PDB file of N, CA and C in Angstrom:
ATOM      1  N   MET A   1     103.325  86.890  94.315  1.00  0.00           N
ATOM      2  CA  MET A   1     104.266  86.392  95.402  1.00  0.00           C
ATOM      3  C   MET A   1     103.782  86.488  96.904  1.00  0.00           C
ATOM      4  N   LEU A   2     102.867  87.236  97.047  1.00  0.00           N
ATOM      5  CA  LEU A   2     102.117  87.325  98.435  1.00  0.00           C
ATOM      6  C   LEU A   2     101.157  86.052  98.497  1.00  0.00           C
ATOM      7  N   MET A   3     100.490  85.717  97.307  1.00  0.00           N
ATOM      8  CA  MET A   3      99.622  84.518  97.243  1.00  0.00           C
ATOM      9  C   MET A   3     100.709  83.073  97.636  1.00  0.00           C
ATOM     10  N   LYS A   4     101.753  83.212  97.144  1.00  0.00           N
ATOM     11  CA  LYS A   4     102.707  82.077  97.131  1.00  0.00           C
ATOM     12  C   LYS A   4     103.170  81.886  98.573  1.00  0.00           C
ATOM     13  N   ARG A   5     103.146  82.835  99.153  1.00  0.00           N
ATOM     14  CA  ARG A   5     103.463  82.736 100.676  1.00  0.00           C
ATOM     15  C   ARG A   5     102.196  82.490 101.664  1.00  0.00           C
ATOM     16  N   ARG A   6     101.011  82.239 100.899  1.00  0.00           N
ATOM     17  CA  ARG A   6      99.905  81.892 101.532  1.00  0.00           C
ATOM     18  C   ARG A   6      99.370  82.918 102.555  1.00  0.00           C
ATOM     19  N   LEU A   7      99.281  84.180 102.095  1.00  0.00           N
ATOM     20  CA  LEU A   7      98.575  85.179 103.176  1.00  0.00           C
ATOM     21  C   LEU A   7      97.233  85.147 103.110  1.00  0.00           C
ATOM     22  N   PRO A   8      96.412  85.369 104.279  1.00  0.00           N
ATOM     23  CA  PRO A   8      95.062  85.328 104.271  1.00  0.00           C
ATOM     24  C   PRO A   8      94.457  86.138 102.889  1.00  0.00           C
ATOM     25  N   SER A   9      93.406  85.768 102.368  1.00  0.00           N
ATOM     26  CA  SER A   9      92.506  86.443 101.598  1.00  0.00           C
ATOM     27  C   SER A   9      92.457  87.775 101.983  1.00  0.00           C
ATOM     28  N   VAL A  10      91.962  87.832 103.224  1.00  0.00           N
ATOM     29  CA  VAL A  10      91.553  89.379 103.746  1.00  0.00           C
ATOM     30  C   VAL A  10      92.633  90.273 103.747  1.00  0.00           C
ATOM     31  N   VAL A  11      93.784  89.843 103.895  1.00  0.00           N
ATOM     32  CA  VAL A  11      95.187  90.679 103.862  1.00  0.00           C
ATOM     33  C   VAL A  11      95.435  90.955 102.763  1.00  0.00           C
ATOM     34  N   LEU A  12      95.335  90.191 101.375  1.00  0.00           N
ATOM     35  CA  LEU A  12      95.486  90.137  99.969  1.00  0.00           C
ATOM     36  C   LEU A  12      94.422  91.366  99.530  1.00  0.00           C
ATOM     37  N   ARG A  13      93.355  91.198  99.836  1.00  0.00           N
ATOM     38  CA  ARG A  13      92.303  92.240  99.707  1.00  0.00           C
ATOM     39  C   ARG A  13      92.633  93.445 100.012  1.00  0.00           C
ATOM     40  N   LEU A  14      92.999  93.603 101.127  1.00  0.00           N
ATOM     41  CA  LEU A  14      93.312  94.975 101.851  1.00  0.00           C
ATOM     42  C   LEU A  14      94.562  95.567 101.084  1.00  0.00           C
ATOM     43  N   LEU A  15      95.600  94.783 100.791  1.00  0.00           N
ATOM     44  CA  LEU A  15      96.830  95.642  99.976  1.00  0.00           C
ATOM     45  C   LEU A  15      96.500  95.751  98.491  1.00  0.00           C
ATOM     46  N   TYR A  16      95.389  95.141  98.041  1.00  0.00           N
ATOM     47  CA  TYR A  16      95.005  95.396  96.712  1.00  0.00           C
ATOM     48  C   TYR A  16      94.333  96.548  96.712  1.00  0.00           C
ATOM     49  N   THR A  17      93.604  96.766  97.508  1.00  0.00           N
ATOM     50  CA  THR A  17      92.874  98.179  97.841  1.00  0.00           C
ATOM     51  C   THR A  17      93.707  99.302  97.959  1.00  0.00           C
ATOM     52  N   MET A  18      94.642  98.855  98.816  1.00  0.00           N
ATOM     53  CA  MET A  18      95.491 100.227  99.114  1.00  0.00           C
ATOM     54  C   MET A  18      96.401 100.615  97.726  1.00  0.00           C
ATOM     55  N   TYR A  19      96.757  99.623  96.942  1.00  0.00           N
ATOM     56  CA  TYR A  19      97.542  99.815  95.913  1.00  0.00           C
ATOM     57  C   TYR A  19      96.896 100.235  94.725  1.00  0.00           C
ATOM     58  N   LEU A  20      95.363  99.784  94.346  1.00  0.00           N
ATOM     59  CA  LEU A  20      94.639  99.694  93.320  1.00  0.00           C
ATOM     60  C   LEU A  20      94.727 101.070  92.656  1.00  0.00           C
ATOM     61  N   ASN A  21      94.327 102.021  93.313  1.00  0.00           N
ATOM     62  CA  ASN A  21      94.154 103.435  92.637  1.00  0.00           C
ATOM     63  C   ASN A  21      94.889 104.411  93.364  1.00  0.00           C
ATOM     64  N   HIS A  22      96.075 104.231  93.562  1.00  0.00           N
ATOM     65  CA  HIS A  22      97.131 104.979  93.995  1.00  0.00           C
ATOM     66  C   HIS A  22      97.576 105.945  92.879  1.00  0.00           C
ATOM     67  N   SER A  23      97.745 107.332  93.427  1.00  0.00           N
ATOM     68  CA  SER A  23      97.999 108.474  92.682  1.00  0.00           C
ATOM     69  C   SER A  23      98.915 109.259  93.641  1.00  0.00           C
ATOM     70  N   THR A  24      99.682 110.151  92.865  1.00  0.00           N
ATOM     71  CA  THR A  24     100.531 110.754  93.690  1.00  0.00           C
ATOM     72  C   THR A  24     100.935 112.159  92.959  1.00  0.00           C
ATOM     73  N   GLN A  25     101.562 113.176  93.407  1.00  0.00           N
ATOM     74  CA  GLN A  25     102.041 114.449  92.783  1.00  0.00           C
ATOM     75  C   GLN A  25     103.568 114.554  93.183  1.00  0.00           C
ATOM     76  N   VAL A  26     104.246 115.428  92.268  1.00  0.00           N
ATOM     77  CA  VAL A  26     105.562 115.770  92.804  1.00  0.00           C
ATOM     78  C   VAL A  26     105.456 117.264  93.007  1.00  0.00           C
ATOM     79  N   GLU A  27     105.828 117.562  94.248  1.00  0.00           N
ATOM     80  CA  GLU A  27     106.313 119.069  94.388  1.00  0.00           C
ATOM     81  C   GLU A  27     107.616 119.359  94.499  1.00  0.00           C
ATOM     82  N   TRP A  28     107.951 120.520  93.707  1.00  0.00           N
ATOM     83  CA  TRP A  28     109.419 121.095  93.526  1.00  0.00           C
ATOM     84  C   TRP A  28     109.527 122.484  93.566  1.00  0.00           C
ATOM     85  N   ASN A  29     110.246 123.229  94.297  1.00  0.00           N
ATOM     86  CA  ASN A  29     110.313 124.614  94.224  1.00  0.00           C
ATOM     87  C   ASN A  29     109.048 125.306  94.298  1.00  0.00           C
ATOM     88  N   GLY A  30     108.137 124.697  95.245  1.00  0.00           N
ATOM     89  CA  GLY A  30     106.891 125.504  95.492  1.00  0.00           C
ATOM     90  C   GLY A  30     105.891 125.199  94.442  1.00  0.00           C
ATOM     91  N   PHE A  31     106.108 124.491  93.571  1.00  0.00           N
ATOM     92  CA  PHE A  31     105.165 124.097  92.438  1.00  0.00           C
ATOM     93  C   PHE A  31     104.750 122.587  92.714  1.00  0.00           C
ATOM     94  N   ARG A  32     103.542 122.423  92.436  1.00  0.00           N
ATOM     95  CA  ARG A  32     102.977 120.880  92.510  1.00  0.00           C
ATOM     96  C   ARG A  32     102.402 120.437  91.131  1.00  0.00           C
ATOM     97  N   SER A  33     102.837 119.210  90.898  1.00  0.00           N
ATOM     98  CA  SER A  33     102.464 118.660  89.462  1.00  0.00           C
ATOM     99  C   SER A  33     100.898 118.282  89.557  1.00  0.00           C
ATOM    100  N   VAL A  34     100.305 117.870  88.425  1.00  0.00           N
ATOM    101  CA  VAL A  34      99.332 117.307  88.402  1.00  0.00           C
ATOM    102  C   VAL A  34      99.236 115.870  88.810  1.00  0.00           C
ATOM    103  N   ALA A  35      98.342 115.393  89.482  1.00  0.00           N
ATOM    104  CA  ALA A  35      98.184 114.109  90.000  1.00  0.00           C
ATOM    105  C   ALA A  35      98.427 112.933  88.875  1.00  0.00           C
ATOM    106  N   PHE A  36      99.138 111.712  89.253  1.00  0.00           N
ATOM    107  CA  PHE A  36      99.287 110.945  88.115  1.00  0.00           C
ATOM    108  C   PHE A  36      99.422 109.663  89.025  1.00  0.00           C
ATOM    109  N   LYS A  37      98.738 108.596  88.245  1.00  0.00           N
ATOM    110  CA  LYS A  37      98.728 107.091  88.754  1.00  0.00           C
ATOM    111  C   LYS A  37      99.887 106.529  88.763  1.00  0.00           C
ATOM    112  N   VAL A  38     100.215 105.830  89.984  1.00  0.00           N
ATOM    113  CA  VAL A  38     101.339 104.897  90.194  1.00  0.00           C
ATOM    114  C   VAL A  38     101.031 103.590  89.971  1.00  0.00           C
ATOM    115  N   LEU A  39     101.661 103.214  89.072  1.00  0.00           N
ATOM    116  CA  LEU A  39     101.096 101.682  88.548  1.00  0.00           C
ATOM    117  C   LEU A  39     102.191 100.683  88.892  1.00  0.00           C
ATOM    118  N   ASN A  40     103.226 100.750  89.602  1.00  0.00           N
ATOM    119  CA  ASN A  40     104.155  99.841  90.218  1.00  0.00           C
ATOM    120  C   ASN A  40     105.061 100.427  91.519  1.00  0.00           C
ATOM    121  N   GLY A  41     105.701  99.509  91.884  1.00  0.00           N
ATOM    122  CA  GLY A  41     106.692  99.892  92.996  1.00  0.00           C
ATOM    123  C   GLY A  41     105.687  99.895  94.520  1.00  0.00           C
ATOM    124  N   VAL A  42     106.680 100.402  95.406  1.00  0.00           N
ATOM    125  CA  VAL A  42     105.853 100.603  96.823  1.00  0.00           C
ATOM    126  C   VAL A  42     105.845 101.945  97.178  1.00  0.00           C
ATOM    127  N   LYS A  43     104.943 102.142  97.898  1.00  0.00           N
ATOM    128  CA  LYS A  43     104.737 103.779  98.369  1.00  0.00           C
ATOM    129  C   LYS A  43     105.964 104.172  99.261  1.00  0.00           C
ATOM    130  N   GLN A  44     106.534 105.211  98.786  1.00  0.00           N
ATOM    131  CA  GLN A  44     107.601 105.899  99.563  1.00  0.00           C
ATOM    132  C   GLN A  44     107.344 106.291 100.896  1.00  0.00           C
ATOM    133  N   GLY A  45     107.920 105.899 101.995  1.00  0.00           N
ATOM    134  CA  GLY A  45     107.748 106.065 103.419  1.00  0.00           C
ATOM    135  C   GLY A  45     106.421 105.254 103.932  1.00  0.00           C
ATOM    136  N   GLY A  46     106.061 104.287 103.221  1.00  0.00           N
ATOM    137  CA  GLY A  46     105.029 103.722 103.617  1.00  0.00           C
ATOM    138  C   GLY A  46     105.572 102.528 105.030  1.00  0.00           C
ATOM    139  N   ILE A  47     104.617 102.571 105.746  1.00  0.00           N
ATOM    140  CA  ILE A  47     105.171 101.351 106.827  1.00  0.00           C
ATOM    141  C   ILE A  47     105.221  99.936 106.327  1.00  0.00           C
ATOM    142  N   LEU A  48     104.611  99.554 105.489  1.00  0.00           N
ATOM    143  CA  LEU A  48     104.563  98.218 104.793  1.00  0.00           C
ATOM    144  C   LEU A  48     105.541  98.149 103.626  1.00  0.00           C
ATOM    145  N   SER A  49     105.923  99.349 103.261  1.00  0.00           N
ATOM    146  CA  SER A  49     106.841  99.331 102.128  1.00  0.00           C
ATOM    147  C   SER A  49     108.163  98.350 102.176  1.00  0.00           C
ATOM    148  N   PRO A  50     108.841  98.590 103.295  1.00  0.00           N
ATOM    149  CA  PRO A  50     110.100  97.777 103.439  1.00  0.00           C
ATOM    150  C   PRO A  50     109.784  96.039 103.371  1.00  0.00           C
ATOM    151  N   ILE A  51     108.491  95.900 103.787  1.00  0.00           N
ATOM    152  CA  ILE A  51     108.299  94.395 104.064  1.00  0.00           C
ATOM    153  C   ILE A  51     107.969  93.684 102.526  1.00  0.00           C
ATOM    154  N   MET A  52     106.976  94.897 101.869  1.00  0.00           N
ATOM    155  CA  MET A  52     106.731  94.703 100.684  1.00  0.00           C
ATOM    156  C   MET A  52     107.887  94.437  99.526  1.00  0.00           C
ATOM    157  N   PHE A  53     109.023  95.409  99.746  1.00  0.00           N
ATOM    158  CA  PHE A  53     109.942  95.238  98.835  1.00  0.00           C
ATOM    159  C   PHE A  53     110.877  93.977  99.255  1.00  0.00           C
ATOM    160  N   ARG A  54     110.980  93.615 100.535  1.00  0.00           N
ATOM    161  CA  ARG A  54     111.518  92.224 100.864  1.00  0.00           C
ATOM    162  C   ARG A  54     111.007  91.086 100.407  1.00  0.00           C
ATOM    163  N   VAL A  55     109.813  91.047 100.224  1.00  0.00           N
ATOM    164  CA  VAL A  55     108.857  89.964  99.536  1.00  0.00           C
ATOM    165  C   VAL A  55     109.197  90.083  98.187  1.00  0.00           C
ATOM    166  N   HIS A  56     109.288  91.169  97.560  1.00  0.00           N
ATOM    167  CA  HIS A  56     109.416  91.398  95.994  1.00  0.00           C
ATOM    168  C   HIS A  56     110.620  90.750  95.737  1.00  0.00           C
ATOM    169  N   ILE A  57     111.972  91.163  96.509  1.00  0.00           N
ATOM    170  CA  ILE A  57     113.054  91.024  96.054  1.00  0.00           C
ATOM    171  C   ILE A  57     113.696  89.298  96.427  1.00  0.00           C
ATOM    172  N   ASP A  58     112.828  88.672  97.444  1.00  0.00           N
ATOM    173  CA  ASP A  58     113.496  87.636  98.007  1.00  0.00           C
ATOM    174  C   ASP A  58     113.761  86.572  96.926  1.00  0.00           C
ATOM    175  N   ASP A  59     112.735  86.305  96.059  1.00  0.00           N
ATOM    176  CA  ASP A  59     113.215  85.481  95.036  1.00  0.00           C
ATOM    177  C   ASP A  59     114.337  85.478  94.302  1.00  0.00           C
ATOM    178  N   LEU A  60     114.604  86.703  93.776  1.00  0.00           N
ATOM    179  CA  LEU A  60     115.657  87.020  93.188  1.00  0.00           C
ATOM    180  C   LEU A  60     116.912  86.933  94.004  1.00  0.00           C
ATOM    181  N   LEU A  61     116.939  87.242  95.122  1.00  0.00           N
ATOM    182  CA  LEU A  61     118.128  87.001  95.875  1.00  0.00           C
ATOM    183  C   LEU A  61     118.316  85.496  96.152  1.00  0.00           C
ATOM    184  N   LEU A  62     117.167  84.737  96.404  1.00  0.00           N
ATOM    185  CA  LEU A  62     117.375  83.196  96.331  1.00  0.00           C
ATOM    186  C   LEU A  62     118.001  82.387  95.240  1.00  0.00           C
ATOM    187  N   LEU A  63     117.627  83.084  94.083  1.00  0.00           N
ATOM    188  CA  LEU A  63     118.094  82.435  92.600  1.00  0.00           C
ATOM    189  C   LEU A  63     119.436  83.124  92.514  1.00  0.00           C
ATOM    190  N   LEU A  64     119.947  84.109  93.127  1.00  0.00           N
ATOM    191  CA  LEU A  64     121.382  84.641  92.928  1.00  0.00           C
ATOM    192  C   LEU A  64     122.155  83.821  93.773  1.00  0.00           C
ATOM    193  N   GLN A  65     121.794  83.669  94.942  1.00  0.00           N
ATOM    194  CA  GLN A  65     122.344  82.820  95.848  1.00  0.00           C
ATOM    195  C   GLN A  65     122.609  81.329  95.378  1.00  0.00           C
ATOM    196  N   ASN A  66     121.619  80.631  94.719  1.00  0.00           N
ATOM    197  CA  ASN A  66     121.683  79.214  94.541  1.00  0.00           C
ATOM    198  C   ASN A  66     122.416  79.294  92.996  1.00  0.00           C
ATOM    199  N   SER A  67     122.872  80.232  92.347  1.00  0.00           N
ATOM    200  CA  SER A  67     123.365  80.547  91.092  1.00  0.00           C
ATOM    201  C   SER A  67     124.956  80.227  91.215  1.00  0.00           C
ATOM    202  N   ASP A  68     125.467  80.328  91.903  1.00  0.00           N
ATOM    203  CA  ASP A  68     126.909  80.115  92.225  1.00  0.00           C
ATOM    204  C   ASP A  68     127.786  81.264  91.165  1.00  0.00           C
ATOM    205  N   VAL A  69     126.864  82.529  91.156  1.00  0.00           N
ATOM    206  CA  VAL A  69     127.575  83.667  90.470  1.00  0.00           C
ATOM    207  C   VAL A  69     127.820  84.760  91.461  1.00  0.00           C
ATOM    208  N   GLY A  70     129.060  85.535  91.569  1.00  0.00           N
ATOM    209  CA  GLY A  70     128.878  86.709  92.301  1.00  0.00           C
ATOM    210  C   GLY A  70     130.427  86.603  92.895  1.00  0.00           C
ATOM    211  N   CYS A  71     130.603  87.459  93.795  1.00  0.00           N
ATOM    212  CA  CYS A  71     132.028  87.496  94.794  1.00  0.00           C
ATOM    213  C   CYS A  71     132.104  86.466  95.788  1.00  0.00           C
ATOM    214  N   TYR A  72     133.105  85.981  95.905  1.00  0.00           N
ATOM    215  CA  TYR A  72     133.187  85.108  97.196  1.00  0.00           C
ATOM    216  C   TYR A  72     134.466  85.591  97.951  1.00  0.00           C
ATOM    217  N   ASN A  73     134.544  85.160  98.944  1.00  0.00           N
ATOM    218  CA  ASN A  73     135.516  85.602 100.055  1.00  0.00           C
ATOM    219  C   ASN A  73     136.236  83.943 100.305  1.00  0.00           C
ATOM    220  N   TYR A  74     137.349  84.007  99.563  1.00  0.00           N
ATOM    221  CA  TYR A  74     138.116  82.662  99.682  1.00  0.00           C
ATOM    222  C   TYR A  74     139.061  82.920 100.734  1.00  0.00           C
ATOM    223  N   ARG A  75     139.267  82.163 101.762  1.00  0.00           N
ATOM    224  CA  ARG A  75     140.357  82.069 102.597  1.00  0.00           C
ATOM    225  C   ARG A  75     141.447  80.978 102.446  1.00  0.00           C
TER     226      ARG A  75
END
């Protein structure tokens, strides 16, 4: 989707590197889990996360808008 929007290759490489080996841990009640890989999604609290989510969902929203399916406000 990012390539479809013709982002410069340097930006694509940077984002790829940021998300390639991303791992995380869960902390609850003072205990921390072992680290595990995050295979999809955007980083919670990341500065780019809202933008990345918007890019990801934009095509779906366009499909829904053009499908004439959903709720309408008739006046």
